[in-house]
N, C-alpha and C. Protein backbone atom coordinates (compact mmCIF):
# COMPACT_ATOMS: atom_id res chain seq x y z
N MET A 1 11.89 -6.09 -2.68
CA MET A 1 11.62 -6.59 -1.35
C MET A 1 12.43 -7.85 -1.10
N ALA A 2 13.05 -7.95 0.08
CA ALA A 2 13.88 -9.10 0.39
C ALA A 2 13.08 -10.13 1.16
N ILE A 3 13.32 -11.40 0.86
CA ILE A 3 12.61 -12.49 1.50
C ILE A 3 13.67 -13.48 1.99
N SER A 4 13.61 -13.86 3.28
CA SER A 4 14.68 -14.64 3.87
C SER A 4 14.43 -16.14 3.83
N ALA A 5 13.30 -16.58 3.26
CA ALA A 5 13.01 -18.00 3.18
C ALA A 5 12.16 -18.27 1.96
N ASP A 6 12.04 -19.55 1.55
CA ASP A 6 11.21 -19.85 0.39
C ASP A 6 9.77 -20.05 0.80
N LEU A 7 8.89 -20.26 -0.22
CA LEU A 7 7.44 -20.30 0.03
C LEU A 7 7.04 -21.41 0.98
N GLU A 8 7.77 -22.54 0.98
CA GLU A 8 7.36 -23.66 1.80
C GLU A 8 7.69 -23.45 3.28
N SER A 9 8.56 -22.52 3.59
CA SER A 9 8.91 -22.25 4.97
C SER A 9 7.88 -21.33 5.60
N VAL A 10 7.56 -21.57 6.87
CA VAL A 10 6.59 -20.74 7.57
C VAL A 10 7.21 -20.33 8.90
N PRO A 11 7.27 -19.04 9.19
CA PRO A 11 6.83 -17.91 8.37
C PRO A 11 7.95 -17.39 7.47
N LEU A 12 7.58 -16.52 6.52
CA LEU A 12 8.54 -15.82 5.68
C LEU A 12 8.81 -14.45 6.30
N ARG A 13 10.09 -14.09 6.39
CA ARG A 13 10.45 -12.78 6.93
C ARG A 13 10.51 -11.77 5.79
N ILE A 14 9.67 -10.75 5.86
CA ILE A 14 9.56 -9.77 4.79
C ILE A 14 10.16 -8.44 5.24
N VAL A 15 11.11 -7.93 4.47
CA VAL A 15 11.71 -6.64 4.76
C VAL A 15 11.71 -5.81 3.49
N ALA A 16 11.67 -4.50 3.67
CA ALA A 16 11.68 -3.59 2.53
C ALA A 16 13.12 -3.27 2.16
N GLY A 17 13.51 -3.56 0.91
CA GLY A 17 14.87 -3.30 0.47
C GLY A 17 14.99 -1.91 -0.14
N ARG A 18 15.01 -0.89 0.69
CA ARG A 18 15.08 0.48 0.20
C ARG A 18 16.28 1.20 0.80
N ALA A 19 16.70 2.27 0.14
CA ALA A 19 17.82 3.06 0.61
C ALA A 19 17.48 3.70 1.96
N GLU A 20 18.49 3.81 2.82
CA GLU A 20 18.29 4.41 4.14
C GLU A 20 18.04 5.91 3.98
N ILE A 21 17.13 6.42 4.81
CA ILE A 21 16.79 7.84 4.77
C ILE A 21 17.83 8.64 5.57
N ASP A 22 18.34 9.69 4.98
CA ASP A 22 19.33 10.57 5.61
C ASP A 22 18.57 11.69 6.33
N LEU A 23 18.29 11.48 7.61
CA LEU A 23 17.47 12.45 8.35
C LEU A 23 18.11 13.83 8.47
N PRO A 24 19.39 13.95 8.77
CA PRO A 24 19.98 15.30 8.83
C PRO A 24 19.88 16.05 7.51
N ALA A 25 20.11 15.33 6.39
CA ALA A 25 19.99 15.98 5.08
C ALA A 25 18.55 16.39 4.81
N ALA A 26 17.59 15.55 5.23
CA ALA A 26 16.18 15.88 5.05
C ALA A 26 15.81 17.12 5.87
N GLN A 27 16.33 17.22 7.08
CA GLN A 27 16.05 18.39 7.92
C GLN A 27 16.61 19.66 7.27
N ARG A 28 17.81 19.58 6.73
CA ARG A 28 18.39 20.75 6.07
C ARG A 28 17.56 21.15 4.85
N ALA A 29 17.08 20.16 4.12
CA ALA A 29 16.26 20.44 2.93
C ALA A 29 14.96 21.12 3.32
N VAL A 30 14.34 20.69 4.41
CA VAL A 30 13.09 21.33 4.86
C VAL A 30 13.36 22.77 5.29
N ALA A 31 14.47 23.00 5.98
CA ALA A 31 14.83 24.36 6.38
C ALA A 31 15.03 25.24 5.15
N ASP A 32 15.71 24.69 4.14
CA ASP A 32 15.91 25.44 2.90
C ASP A 32 14.59 25.74 2.21
N LEU A 33 13.68 24.79 2.23
CA LEU A 33 12.36 25.00 1.62
C LEU A 33 11.61 26.12 2.34
N LEU A 34 11.67 26.13 3.68
CA LEU A 34 11.00 27.19 4.43
C LEU A 34 11.56 28.56 4.04
N VAL A 35 12.88 28.64 3.90
CA VAL A 35 13.49 29.90 3.47
C VAL A 35 13.01 30.28 2.08
N ALA A 36 12.98 29.30 1.17
CA ALA A 36 12.53 29.57 -0.20
C ALA A 36 11.08 30.04 -0.24
N LEU A 37 10.29 29.62 0.74
CA LEU A 37 8.88 30.01 0.81
C LEU A 37 8.69 31.30 1.62
N GLY A 38 9.81 31.96 1.97
CA GLY A 38 9.72 33.23 2.67
C GLY A 38 9.48 33.12 4.15
N ARG A 39 9.83 32.00 4.75
CA ARG A 39 9.63 31.80 6.18
C ARG A 39 10.99 31.68 6.88
N ASP A 40 11.00 32.00 8.16
CA ASP A 40 12.22 31.94 8.96
C ASP A 40 12.24 30.63 9.75
N PRO A 41 13.08 29.65 9.35
CA PRO A 41 13.10 28.37 10.05
C PRO A 41 13.65 28.45 11.47
N HIS A 42 14.18 29.62 11.85
CA HIS A 42 14.71 29.79 13.21
C HIS A 42 13.72 30.48 14.13
N SER A 43 12.55 30.81 13.62
CA SER A 43 11.54 31.45 14.47
C SER A 43 11.03 30.47 15.51
N ALA A 44 10.42 31.00 16.56
CA ALA A 44 9.96 30.15 17.66
C ALA A 44 9.00 29.08 17.20
N HIS A 45 8.14 29.40 16.25
CA HIS A 45 7.12 28.45 15.81
C HIS A 45 7.66 27.42 14.82
N LEU A 46 8.72 27.75 14.09
CA LEU A 46 9.22 26.86 13.03
C LEU A 46 10.55 26.18 13.38
N ALA A 47 11.11 26.49 14.54
CA ALA A 47 12.44 25.98 14.86
C ALA A 47 12.52 24.45 14.84
N GLU A 48 11.47 23.79 15.25
CA GLU A 48 11.47 22.32 15.29
C GLU A 48 10.82 21.70 14.06
N THR A 49 10.32 22.55 13.16
CA THR A 49 9.59 22.03 11.99
C THR A 49 10.46 21.16 11.08
N PRO A 50 11.70 21.54 10.75
CA PRO A 50 12.51 20.67 9.90
C PRO A 50 12.68 19.25 10.48
N ARG A 51 12.92 19.15 11.78
CA ARG A 51 13.05 17.83 12.40
C ARG A 51 11.74 17.06 12.34
N ARG A 52 10.65 17.74 12.65
CA ARG A 52 9.35 17.06 12.65
C ARG A 52 8.97 16.58 11.25
N VAL A 53 9.19 17.42 10.24
CA VAL A 53 8.84 17.04 8.87
C VAL A 53 9.70 15.88 8.40
N ALA A 54 11.01 15.95 8.67
CA ALA A 54 11.90 14.86 8.25
C ALA A 54 11.48 13.54 8.91
N ASN A 55 11.17 13.58 10.20
CA ASN A 55 10.75 12.35 10.89
C ASN A 55 9.41 11.85 10.37
N ALA A 56 8.50 12.78 10.04
CA ALA A 56 7.19 12.37 9.52
C ALA A 56 7.34 11.67 8.18
N TYR A 57 8.16 12.23 7.29
CA TYR A 57 8.37 11.58 6.00
C TYR A 57 9.07 10.24 6.16
N ALA A 58 10.03 10.18 7.06
CA ALA A 58 10.71 8.90 7.29
C ALA A 58 9.73 7.83 7.74
N GLU A 59 8.80 8.21 8.61
CA GLU A 59 7.78 7.25 9.08
C GLU A 59 6.86 6.83 7.94
N MET A 60 6.43 7.79 7.13
CA MET A 60 5.49 7.49 6.05
C MET A 60 6.13 6.69 4.92
N LEU A 61 7.46 6.71 4.84
CA LEU A 61 8.16 6.03 3.75
C LEU A 61 8.84 4.74 4.18
N THR A 62 8.64 4.33 5.44
CA THR A 62 9.33 3.14 5.96
C THR A 62 8.31 2.10 6.40
N PRO A 63 8.08 1.05 5.61
CA PRO A 63 7.16 -0.01 6.04
C PRO A 63 7.78 -0.85 7.15
N ARG A 64 6.94 -1.40 7.98
CA ARG A 64 7.41 -2.25 9.07
C ARG A 64 7.71 -3.65 8.56
N GLU A 65 8.78 -4.24 9.08
CA GLU A 65 9.07 -5.64 8.75
C GLU A 65 7.97 -6.52 9.35
N PHE A 66 7.72 -7.65 8.69
CA PHE A 66 6.71 -8.57 9.22
C PHE A 66 6.99 -9.98 8.71
N GLU A 67 6.32 -10.93 9.32
CA GLU A 67 6.43 -12.33 8.92
C GLU A 67 5.17 -12.72 8.15
N LEU A 68 5.35 -13.21 6.93
CA LEU A 68 4.22 -13.62 6.11
C LEU A 68 3.82 -15.04 6.52
N THR A 69 2.93 -15.11 7.50
CA THR A 69 2.52 -16.40 8.04
C THR A 69 1.52 -17.08 7.10
N THR A 70 1.88 -18.27 6.62
CA THR A 70 0.97 -19.06 5.80
C THR A 70 0.75 -20.42 6.44
N PHE A 71 -0.35 -21.06 6.06
CA PHE A 71 -0.71 -22.36 6.63
C PHE A 71 -1.15 -23.29 5.51
N PRO A 72 -0.93 -24.59 5.65
CA PRO A 72 -1.42 -25.53 4.64
C PRO A 72 -2.94 -25.45 4.53
N ASN A 73 -3.42 -25.50 3.31
CA ASN A 73 -4.86 -25.47 3.06
C ASN A 73 -5.39 -26.91 3.16
N ASP A 74 -5.36 -27.46 4.38
CA ASP A 74 -5.68 -28.87 4.59
C ASP A 74 -7.12 -29.21 4.24
N GLU A 75 -8.01 -28.25 4.42
CA GLU A 75 -9.43 -28.51 4.16
C GLU A 75 -9.78 -28.30 2.68
N GLY A 76 -8.82 -27.88 1.90
CA GLY A 76 -9.08 -27.66 0.48
C GLY A 76 -10.05 -26.53 0.23
N TYR A 77 -10.01 -25.47 1.06
CA TYR A 77 -10.92 -24.34 0.89
C TYR A 77 -10.68 -23.69 -0.46
N ASP A 78 -11.75 -23.55 -1.25
CA ASP A 78 -11.59 -23.05 -2.61
C ASP A 78 -12.53 -21.89 -2.94
N GLU A 79 -13.00 -21.21 -1.90
CA GLU A 79 -13.85 -20.04 -2.11
C GLU A 79 -13.04 -18.76 -1.85
N LEU A 80 -13.61 -17.64 -2.24
CA LEU A 80 -12.91 -16.36 -2.14
C LEU A 80 -12.69 -15.96 -0.68
N VAL A 81 -11.49 -15.49 -0.39
CA VAL A 81 -11.15 -14.87 0.89
C VAL A 81 -10.94 -13.39 0.61
N LEU A 82 -11.67 -12.53 1.30
CA LEU A 82 -11.62 -11.10 1.01
C LEU A 82 -11.47 -10.30 2.30
N ALA A 83 -10.46 -9.45 2.35
CA ALA A 83 -10.30 -8.48 3.44
C ALA A 83 -10.71 -7.12 2.89
N LYS A 84 -11.78 -6.54 3.46
CA LYS A 84 -12.32 -5.28 2.96
C LYS A 84 -11.85 -4.11 3.82
N ASP A 85 -11.82 -2.94 3.18
CA ASP A 85 -11.62 -1.67 3.89
C ASP A 85 -10.32 -1.63 4.67
N ILE A 86 -9.26 -2.18 4.09
CA ILE A 86 -7.93 -2.04 4.68
C ILE A 86 -7.47 -0.59 4.50
N PRO A 87 -7.15 0.11 5.57
CA PRO A 87 -6.73 1.52 5.41
C PRO A 87 -5.47 1.63 4.56
N VAL A 88 -5.45 2.62 3.67
CA VAL A 88 -4.31 2.90 2.81
C VAL A 88 -3.92 4.36 2.98
N GLN A 89 -2.64 4.59 3.27
CA GLN A 89 -2.08 5.94 3.27
C GLN A 89 -0.78 5.89 2.49
N SER A 90 -0.63 6.78 1.53
CA SER A 90 0.59 6.82 0.75
C SER A 90 0.88 8.26 0.35
N LEU A 91 1.98 8.45 -0.40
CA LEU A 91 2.39 9.79 -0.83
C LEU A 91 2.47 9.84 -2.35
N CYS A 92 1.75 10.79 -2.94
CA CYS A 92 1.80 10.99 -4.38
C CYS A 92 3.22 11.40 -4.78
N GLU A 93 3.81 10.66 -5.70
CA GLU A 93 5.19 10.96 -6.08
C GLU A 93 5.31 12.21 -6.95
N HIS A 94 4.19 12.74 -7.42
CA HIS A 94 4.23 13.93 -8.27
C HIS A 94 4.19 15.23 -7.47
N HIS A 95 3.51 15.21 -6.30
CA HIS A 95 3.38 16.43 -5.51
C HIS A 95 3.84 16.24 -4.05
N LEU A 96 4.19 15.03 -3.68
CA LEU A 96 4.58 14.70 -2.30
C LEU A 96 3.47 15.01 -1.31
N LEU A 97 2.23 14.93 -1.79
CA LEU A 97 1.06 15.10 -0.93
C LEU A 97 0.42 13.73 -0.68
N PRO A 98 -0.24 13.56 0.47
CA PRO A 98 -0.82 12.26 0.78
C PRO A 98 -2.02 11.91 -0.09
N PHE A 99 -2.21 10.62 -0.30
CA PHE A 99 -3.52 10.12 -0.70
C PHE A 99 -3.89 9.00 0.25
N HIS A 100 -5.18 8.87 0.49
CA HIS A 100 -5.62 7.91 1.51
C HIS A 100 -6.97 7.34 1.12
N GLY A 101 -7.24 6.15 1.61
CA GLY A 101 -8.51 5.49 1.32
C GLY A 101 -8.51 4.09 1.87
N VAL A 102 -9.09 3.16 1.10
CA VAL A 102 -9.18 1.77 1.55
C VAL A 102 -8.80 0.84 0.41
N ALA A 103 -8.32 -0.34 0.79
CA ALA A 103 -8.03 -1.40 -0.17
C ALA A 103 -8.90 -2.60 0.15
N HIS A 104 -9.36 -3.27 -0.89
CA HIS A 104 -10.06 -4.54 -0.76
C HIS A 104 -9.18 -5.59 -1.43
N VAL A 105 -8.75 -6.57 -0.67
CA VAL A 105 -7.79 -7.56 -1.18
C VAL A 105 -8.38 -8.95 -1.01
N GLY A 106 -8.50 -9.67 -2.12
CA GLY A 106 -9.06 -11.01 -2.07
C GLY A 106 -8.21 -12.01 -2.82
N TYR A 107 -8.33 -13.28 -2.45
CA TYR A 107 -7.63 -14.33 -3.18
C TYR A 107 -8.40 -15.64 -3.09
N LEU A 108 -8.18 -16.47 -4.09
CA LEU A 108 -8.70 -17.84 -4.09
C LEU A 108 -7.55 -18.76 -3.70
N PRO A 109 -7.62 -19.42 -2.56
CA PRO A 109 -6.47 -20.18 -2.06
C PRO A 109 -6.06 -21.32 -2.98
N GLY A 110 -4.76 -21.55 -3.00
CA GLY A 110 -4.20 -22.73 -3.64
C GLY A 110 -3.85 -23.73 -2.55
N GLU A 111 -2.57 -24.09 -2.46
CA GLU A 111 -2.14 -25.07 -1.46
C GLU A 111 -1.96 -24.46 -0.08
N ARG A 112 -1.88 -23.11 0.00
CA ARG A 112 -1.66 -22.48 1.29
C ARG A 112 -2.67 -21.35 1.48
N ILE A 113 -2.98 -21.07 2.75
CA ILE A 113 -3.79 -19.92 3.10
C ILE A 113 -2.94 -18.96 3.92
N LEU A 114 -3.38 -17.72 3.96
CA LEU A 114 -2.58 -16.65 4.54
C LEU A 114 -3.20 -16.13 5.83
N GLY A 115 -2.35 -15.84 6.83
CA GLY A 115 -2.84 -15.14 8.00
C GLY A 115 -3.47 -13.82 7.58
N LEU A 116 -4.73 -13.57 7.97
CA LEU A 116 -5.50 -12.47 7.40
C LEU A 116 -4.87 -11.10 7.62
N SER A 117 -4.25 -10.88 8.77
CA SER A 117 -3.66 -9.57 9.03
C SER A 117 -2.53 -9.27 8.05
N LYS A 118 -1.98 -10.32 7.45
CA LYS A 118 -0.85 -10.11 6.54
C LYS A 118 -1.28 -9.47 5.23
N LEU A 119 -2.55 -9.57 4.87
CA LEU A 119 -3.02 -8.84 3.68
C LEU A 119 -2.84 -7.34 3.88
N ALA A 120 -3.16 -6.87 5.08
CA ALA A 120 -2.95 -5.45 5.38
C ALA A 120 -1.47 -5.11 5.41
N ARG A 121 -0.64 -6.02 5.89
CA ARG A 121 0.80 -5.78 5.93
C ARG A 121 1.38 -5.63 4.52
N VAL A 122 0.88 -6.44 3.60
CA VAL A 122 1.39 -6.35 2.22
C VAL A 122 0.99 -5.02 1.59
N VAL A 123 -0.23 -4.56 1.88
CA VAL A 123 -0.66 -3.25 1.38
C VAL A 123 0.28 -2.17 1.92
N GLU A 124 0.57 -2.22 3.21
CA GLU A 124 1.46 -1.22 3.81
C GLU A 124 2.87 -1.30 3.23
N LEU A 125 3.33 -2.51 2.93
CA LEU A 125 4.68 -2.71 2.40
C LEU A 125 4.93 -1.84 1.18
N PHE A 126 3.91 -1.72 0.32
CA PHE A 126 4.07 -0.93 -0.90
C PHE A 126 3.52 0.49 -0.77
N ALA A 127 2.59 0.70 0.17
CA ALA A 127 1.98 2.03 0.31
C ALA A 127 2.95 3.02 0.94
N ARG A 128 3.84 2.54 1.81
CA ARG A 128 4.78 3.46 2.46
C ARG A 128 5.94 3.75 1.53
N ASP A 129 5.64 4.54 0.51
CA ASP A 129 6.62 4.89 -0.51
C ASP A 129 6.04 6.08 -1.29
N PHE A 130 6.86 6.69 -2.14
CA PHE A 130 6.32 7.63 -3.11
C PHE A 130 5.64 6.81 -4.18
N GLN A 131 4.36 7.07 -4.43
CA GLN A 131 3.56 6.14 -5.23
C GLN A 131 2.64 6.87 -6.20
N VAL A 132 2.14 6.10 -7.15
CA VAL A 132 0.91 6.40 -7.87
C VAL A 132 -0.04 5.25 -7.59
N GLN A 133 -1.31 5.53 -7.55
CA GLN A 133 -2.28 4.51 -7.12
C GLN A 133 -2.30 3.31 -8.05
N GLU A 134 -2.14 3.55 -9.35
CA GLU A 134 -2.17 2.44 -10.30
C GLU A 134 -1.05 1.44 -10.02
N ARG A 135 0.16 1.96 -9.78
CA ARG A 135 1.30 1.08 -9.50
C ARG A 135 1.10 0.34 -8.18
N LEU A 136 0.64 1.07 -7.16
CA LEU A 136 0.43 0.46 -5.84
C LEU A 136 -0.52 -0.72 -5.95
N THR A 137 -1.62 -0.55 -6.66
CA THR A 137 -2.61 -1.62 -6.81
C THR A 137 -2.00 -2.85 -7.46
N LYS A 138 -1.25 -2.64 -8.51
CA LYS A 138 -0.63 -3.75 -9.24
C LYS A 138 0.47 -4.41 -8.42
N GLN A 139 1.24 -3.63 -7.68
CA GLN A 139 2.31 -4.21 -6.88
C GLN A 139 1.76 -5.17 -5.83
N VAL A 140 0.68 -4.78 -5.16
CA VAL A 140 0.08 -5.65 -4.14
C VAL A 140 -0.41 -6.95 -4.78
N ALA A 141 -1.13 -6.83 -5.90
CA ALA A 141 -1.67 -8.02 -6.56
C ALA A 141 -0.55 -8.92 -7.08
N ASP A 142 0.45 -8.33 -7.73
CA ASP A 142 1.55 -9.13 -8.27
C ASP A 142 2.32 -9.84 -7.17
N TRP A 143 2.55 -9.14 -6.07
CA TRP A 143 3.34 -9.72 -4.98
C TRP A 143 2.61 -10.92 -4.36
N LEU A 144 1.32 -10.77 -4.13
CA LEU A 144 0.56 -11.89 -3.57
C LEU A 144 0.50 -13.07 -4.54
N GLN A 145 0.34 -12.78 -5.83
CA GLN A 145 0.31 -13.85 -6.81
C GLN A 145 1.65 -14.59 -6.83
N ASP A 146 2.74 -13.87 -6.76
CA ASP A 146 4.07 -14.47 -6.85
C ASP A 146 4.45 -15.24 -5.60
N HIS A 147 4.05 -14.75 -4.41
CA HIS A 147 4.56 -15.32 -3.17
C HIS A 147 3.58 -16.23 -2.44
N LEU A 148 2.30 -16.15 -2.78
CA LEU A 148 1.32 -17.03 -2.15
C LEU A 148 0.89 -18.16 -3.08
N ALA A 149 1.08 -17.96 -4.40
CA ALA A 149 0.69 -18.94 -5.42
C ALA A 149 -0.78 -19.34 -5.28
N PRO A 150 -1.69 -18.38 -5.23
CA PRO A 150 -3.12 -18.71 -5.15
C PRO A 150 -3.67 -19.03 -6.54
N LYS A 151 -4.94 -19.42 -6.58
CA LYS A 151 -5.60 -19.64 -7.87
C LYS A 151 -6.04 -18.32 -8.50
N GLY A 152 -6.12 -17.29 -7.70
CA GLY A 152 -6.48 -15.99 -8.22
C GLY A 152 -6.30 -14.92 -7.15
N VAL A 153 -6.07 -13.68 -7.59
CA VAL A 153 -5.90 -12.54 -6.69
C VAL A 153 -6.67 -11.36 -7.26
N GLY A 154 -7.31 -10.60 -6.38
CA GLY A 154 -7.96 -9.36 -6.78
C GLY A 154 -7.66 -8.26 -5.78
N VAL A 155 -7.30 -7.09 -6.28
CA VAL A 155 -7.03 -5.93 -5.42
C VAL A 155 -7.76 -4.73 -5.99
N VAL A 156 -8.51 -4.05 -5.13
CA VAL A 156 -9.16 -2.79 -5.49
C VAL A 156 -8.75 -1.75 -4.46
N ILE A 157 -8.35 -0.58 -4.92
CA ILE A 157 -8.05 0.54 -4.02
C ILE A 157 -8.93 1.72 -4.38
N GLU A 158 -9.56 2.29 -3.36
CA GLU A 158 -10.35 3.52 -3.50
C GLU A 158 -9.67 4.58 -2.65
N ALA A 159 -9.28 5.71 -3.26
CA ALA A 159 -8.53 6.69 -2.50
C ALA A 159 -8.84 8.12 -2.94
N GLU A 160 -8.73 9.04 -1.99
CA GLU A 160 -8.82 10.46 -2.27
C GLU A 160 -7.41 11.04 -2.26
N HIS A 161 -7.09 11.82 -3.28
CA HIS A 161 -5.75 12.38 -3.45
C HIS A 161 -5.77 13.86 -3.10
N GLN A 162 -4.92 14.25 -2.15
CA GLN A 162 -4.87 15.65 -1.76
C GLN A 162 -4.31 16.55 -2.85
N CYS A 163 -3.57 15.97 -3.80
CA CYS A 163 -3.12 16.78 -4.93
C CYS A 163 -4.30 17.17 -5.82
N MET A 164 -5.44 16.49 -5.68
CA MET A 164 -6.66 16.88 -6.37
C MET A 164 -7.60 17.70 -5.50
N SER A 165 -7.61 17.41 -4.19
CA SER A 165 -8.59 18.05 -3.31
C SER A 165 -8.09 19.36 -2.70
N LEU A 166 -6.77 19.54 -2.56
CA LEU A 166 -6.24 20.74 -1.93
C LEU A 166 -5.70 21.76 -2.93
N ARG A 167 -5.47 21.34 -4.15
CA ARG A 167 -4.87 22.23 -5.15
C ARG A 167 -5.50 21.93 -6.51
N GLY A 168 -5.08 22.68 -7.52
CA GLY A 168 -5.55 22.39 -8.86
C GLY A 168 -7.06 22.47 -8.96
N VAL A 169 -7.68 21.36 -9.35
CA VAL A 169 -9.13 21.33 -9.55
C VAL A 169 -9.90 21.41 -8.24
N ARG A 170 -9.24 21.09 -7.11
CA ARG A 170 -9.85 21.12 -5.77
C ARG A 170 -11.14 20.31 -5.73
N ALA A 171 -11.05 19.09 -6.20
CA ALA A 171 -12.21 18.19 -6.25
C ALA A 171 -12.33 17.43 -4.93
N THR A 172 -12.71 18.16 -3.89
CA THR A 172 -12.84 17.57 -2.56
C THR A 172 -13.86 16.43 -2.56
N GLY A 173 -13.49 15.31 -1.98
CA GLY A 173 -14.38 14.16 -1.89
C GLY A 173 -14.31 13.23 -3.07
N SER A 174 -13.65 13.62 -4.15
CA SER A 174 -13.51 12.74 -5.31
C SER A 174 -12.58 11.57 -4.96
N ARG A 175 -13.00 10.36 -5.34
CA ARG A 175 -12.20 9.18 -5.05
C ARG A 175 -11.82 8.48 -6.35
N THR A 176 -10.60 8.03 -6.40
CA THR A 176 -10.09 7.29 -7.55
C THR A 176 -10.14 5.80 -7.23
N VAL A 177 -10.61 4.99 -8.18
CA VAL A 177 -10.73 3.54 -7.98
C VAL A 177 -9.84 2.84 -9.00
N THR A 178 -8.98 1.95 -8.51
CA THR A 178 -8.12 1.14 -9.38
C THR A 178 -8.25 -0.33 -8.99
N SER A 179 -8.00 -1.21 -9.95
CA SER A 179 -8.11 -2.65 -9.68
C SER A 179 -7.02 -3.40 -10.42
N SER A 180 -6.66 -4.56 -9.88
CA SER A 180 -5.72 -5.46 -10.54
C SER A 180 -6.13 -6.88 -10.21
N LEU A 181 -6.22 -7.73 -11.25
CA LEU A 181 -6.71 -9.11 -11.08
C LEU A 181 -5.71 -10.10 -11.68
N HIS A 182 -5.64 -11.28 -11.07
CA HIS A 182 -4.82 -12.37 -11.58
C HIS A 182 -5.61 -13.68 -11.56
N GLY A 183 -5.19 -14.61 -12.38
CA GLY A 183 -5.72 -15.96 -12.33
C GLY A 183 -7.20 -16.04 -12.61
N ILE A 184 -7.89 -16.88 -11.81
CA ILE A 184 -9.31 -17.13 -12.03
C ILE A 184 -10.13 -15.84 -11.91
N LEU A 185 -9.72 -14.95 -11.01
CA LEU A 185 -10.49 -13.71 -10.83
C LEU A 185 -10.40 -12.81 -12.05
N ARG A 186 -9.41 -13.00 -12.87
CA ARG A 186 -9.31 -12.24 -14.12
C ARG A 186 -9.97 -12.97 -15.28
N GLU A 187 -9.80 -14.30 -15.28
CA GLU A 187 -10.20 -15.09 -16.45
C GLU A 187 -11.65 -15.56 -16.41
N ASN A 188 -12.20 -15.75 -15.22
CA ASN A 188 -13.54 -16.31 -15.09
C ASN A 188 -14.54 -15.20 -14.76
N LEU A 189 -15.54 -15.01 -15.61
CA LEU A 189 -16.47 -13.90 -15.46
C LEU A 189 -17.23 -13.97 -14.14
N SER A 190 -17.75 -15.13 -13.78
CA SER A 190 -18.56 -15.22 -12.56
C SER A 190 -17.69 -14.98 -11.32
N SER A 191 -16.45 -15.46 -11.32
CA SER A 191 -15.56 -15.22 -10.18
C SER A 191 -15.20 -13.75 -10.07
N ARG A 192 -14.97 -13.12 -11.22
CA ARG A 192 -14.66 -11.69 -11.24
C ARG A 192 -15.86 -10.89 -10.72
N GLN A 193 -17.06 -11.25 -11.16
CA GLN A 193 -18.26 -10.54 -10.71
C GLN A 193 -18.47 -10.72 -9.21
N GLU A 194 -18.21 -11.94 -8.70
CA GLU A 194 -18.35 -12.17 -7.26
C GLU A 194 -17.39 -11.28 -6.48
N PHE A 195 -16.15 -11.19 -6.95
CA PHE A 195 -15.16 -10.38 -6.25
C PHE A 195 -15.60 -8.93 -6.21
N PHE A 196 -15.97 -8.37 -7.35
CA PHE A 196 -16.37 -6.95 -7.37
C PHE A 196 -17.65 -6.71 -6.57
N ALA A 197 -18.56 -7.68 -6.59
CA ALA A 197 -19.80 -7.54 -5.81
C ALA A 197 -19.49 -7.49 -4.32
N LEU A 198 -18.56 -8.33 -3.87
CA LEU A 198 -18.21 -8.35 -2.45
C LEU A 198 -17.47 -7.09 -2.02
N THR A 199 -16.74 -6.47 -2.94
CA THR A 199 -16.08 -5.20 -2.62
C THR A 199 -17.07 -4.03 -2.61
N GLY A 200 -18.26 -4.26 -3.15
CA GLY A 200 -19.26 -3.20 -3.23
C GLY A 200 -19.20 -2.41 -4.51
N LEU A 201 -18.41 -2.88 -5.49
CA LEU A 201 -18.28 -2.19 -6.76
C LEU A 201 -18.97 -2.98 -7.84
N THR A 202 -19.45 -2.30 -8.85
CA THR A 202 -20.07 -2.96 -10.00
C THR A 202 -18.98 -3.33 -10.99
N PRO A 203 -18.90 -4.61 -11.44
CA PRO A 203 -17.85 -5.01 -12.37
C PRO A 203 -18.02 -4.34 -13.72
């Protein structure tokens, strides 16, 4: 991820440093897949499908640029800040099927506090990619720890994976829970318990 300013500058411009998507090549690949699956991509119902699928994947794999707005922690606030139930949508890199759920993201402020909507933006920054849930959880926590310099960070993601619910074991409704902790939220038992209690999970 590219950052155009240092931590002391407000705001920070955040952009995703990923390869550009080749939409015409993606459309051709979808048409080839339809043929391989025994379908006619030139039929009336499927003629626009390659374009639609390519555009849909491009949207799901491209996070929006945003400004990481931070503010001085002038009041010395030292209690947990938690954003619950942030929607998460991503793509399983093993089957290219969606997984979706919610993220709970919390931090103990250091010298700066964060604009609350930006916690959701950081989740999206990493979710719009081919992912596994374990990596996604850690990426969000690591990024906030590195760029916000808080006293602690906690991230929990609860998600249902369509590669489990639509195929294979077909465990519809099963949710996978992952967590990643840094700083005081990892090292201090009472702080860790408070974080998990506020997310609604038992530590």
